[in-house]
């Protein structure tokens, strides 16, 4: 049980780090759960909602479920 819990914590930390560095983009709701609502708001407020950059951002969007393994 401890090993499974430790693995989940490791994966969550890895996703949190990737989100903070801008390497991965997930939906705001998932990001708010991982990095906190204030941090997610500031991080995601710089994203344009339309235009030419949407194709680049869409390729980085992933649905994140904290219970699943990567």
Protein backbone atom coordinates (compact mmCIF):
# COMPACT_ATOMS: atom_id res chain seq x y z
CA UNK A 1 0.00 0.00 0.00
CA UNK A 2 2.79 2.45 0.83
CA UNK A 3 4.52 1.74 -2.46
CA UNK A 4 1.35 2.49 -4.45
CA UNK A 5 0.78 5.70 -2.49
CA UNK A 6 4.39 6.77 -3.02
CA UNK A 7 4.07 6.12 -6.76
CA UNK A 8 0.91 8.26 -6.94
CA UNK A 9 2.67 11.08 -5.09
CA UNK A 10 5.66 10.84 -7.44
CA UNK A 11 3.44 11.06 -10.52
CA UNK A 12 1.47 14.00 -9.12
CA UNK A 13 4.72 15.84 -8.35
CA UNK A 14 6.02 15.12 -11.84
CA UNK A 15 2.85 16.51 -13.46
CA UNK A 16 2.90 19.53 -11.14
CA UNK A 17 6.49 20.29 -12.15
CA UNK A 18 5.74 19.92 -15.86
CA UNK A 19 2.71 22.23 -15.56
CA UNK A 20 4.71 24.87 -13.71
CA UNK A 21 7.47 24.78 -16.34
CA UNK A 22 4.93 25.03 -19.17
CA UNK A 23 5.87 21.70 -20.73
CA UNK A 24 2.36 20.28 -20.35
CA UNK A 25 -1.02 22.00 -20.38
CA UNK A 26 -4.07 20.41 -18.81
CA UNK A 27 -7.53 21.84 -18.34
CA UNK A 28 -7.82 24.58 -15.74
CA UNK A 29 -9.84 22.45 -13.32
CA UNK A 30 -7.18 19.75 -13.15
CA UNK A 31 -4.41 22.30 -12.87
CA UNK A 32 -6.19 24.05 -10.02
CA UNK A 33 -6.28 20.77 -8.10
CA UNK A 34 -2.58 20.08 -8.66
CA UNK A 35 -0.94 23.50 -8.36
CA UNK A 36 -3.63 25.48 -6.57
CA UNK A 37 -6.28 27.83 -7.93
CA UNK A 38 -4.27 31.06 -7.59
CA UNK A 39 -1.20 29.68 -9.32
CA UNK A 40 -3.31 28.08 -12.06
CA UNK A 41 -5.14 31.37 -12.66
CA UNK A 42 -1.91 33.32 -13.12
CA UNK A 43 -0.32 30.60 -15.24
CA UNK A 44 -3.35 30.13 -17.48
CA UNK A 45 -4.26 33.81 -17.78
CA UNK A 46 -1.40 34.28 -20.24
CA UNK A 47 -2.92 31.80 -22.72
CA UNK A 48 -4.76 33.34 -25.65
CA UNK A 49 -8.26 31.97 -26.14
CA UNK A 50 -8.06 32.13 -29.94
CA UNK A 51 -5.83 32.91 -32.88
CA UNK A 52 -2.81 31.18 -34.37
CA UNK A 53 -1.36 29.89 -31.08
CA UNK A 54 -4.30 27.56 -30.39
CA UNK A 55 -2.88 24.74 -32.49
CA UNK A 56 0.35 24.77 -30.51
CA UNK A 57 -1.45 24.80 -27.17
CA UNK A 58 -3.93 22.08 -28.18
CA UNK A 59 -1.10 19.68 -28.89
CA UNK A 60 0.04 20.04 -25.27
CA UNK A 61 -3.39 19.65 -23.61
CA UNK A 62 -3.86 16.41 -21.70
CA UNK A 63 -6.71 15.18 -19.56
CA UNK A 64 -5.27 14.37 -16.16
CA UNK A 65 -6.76 11.91 -13.74
CA UNK A 66 -4.70 11.74 -10.51
CA UNK A 67 -5.76 8.13 -9.94
CA UNK A 68 -4.40 6.79 -13.21
CA UNK A 69 -0.83 5.79 -13.83
CA UNK A 70 1.21 7.30 -16.61
